[in-house]
Each structure stands twice: as C-alpha cells, then as structure tokens.
Amino acid sequence: TLSLQFHKKRRLFKSLVESYIQIAAISKELKYQKKRPSLQHLRILSLKREDLRTNQV
C-alpha cells in the first residue's frame, strides 16, 4: 500500500517534470524564433499550466 502510493507520487512527479520540460522547450523555442507564440503553443502552455495546478496536491 505504501509502495503503491509512492509509485503514484513518482508517476505524478515524472509527469510534472515532463510538463515543465515541455514548457521550457516551447518558451525557449519562442525566444529563439523571436516571434509571437502560435495559438497552438499558447494552448499547450495553458493546458500544461492547468495540469500543473491541478496536480499540485
């Protein structure tokens, strides 16, 4: 039971880290392009941020 909880937390943490990496990659890409972010990028970012907000339990 304890290990199950641990695995859940670890999986959650992994997905959080992946989300942060994705956000970082997108913002880096945008900076590099020196362009206005595309709607798709913005949508991904806002979805990711929402994920992060809801996952922080």
Foldseek 3Di string as FASTA:
>chain_A
DVVVVVVVVVVLVVVLVVLVVVLVVQVVVCVVVVDPDDPVNVVSNVVSVVSVVVSPD
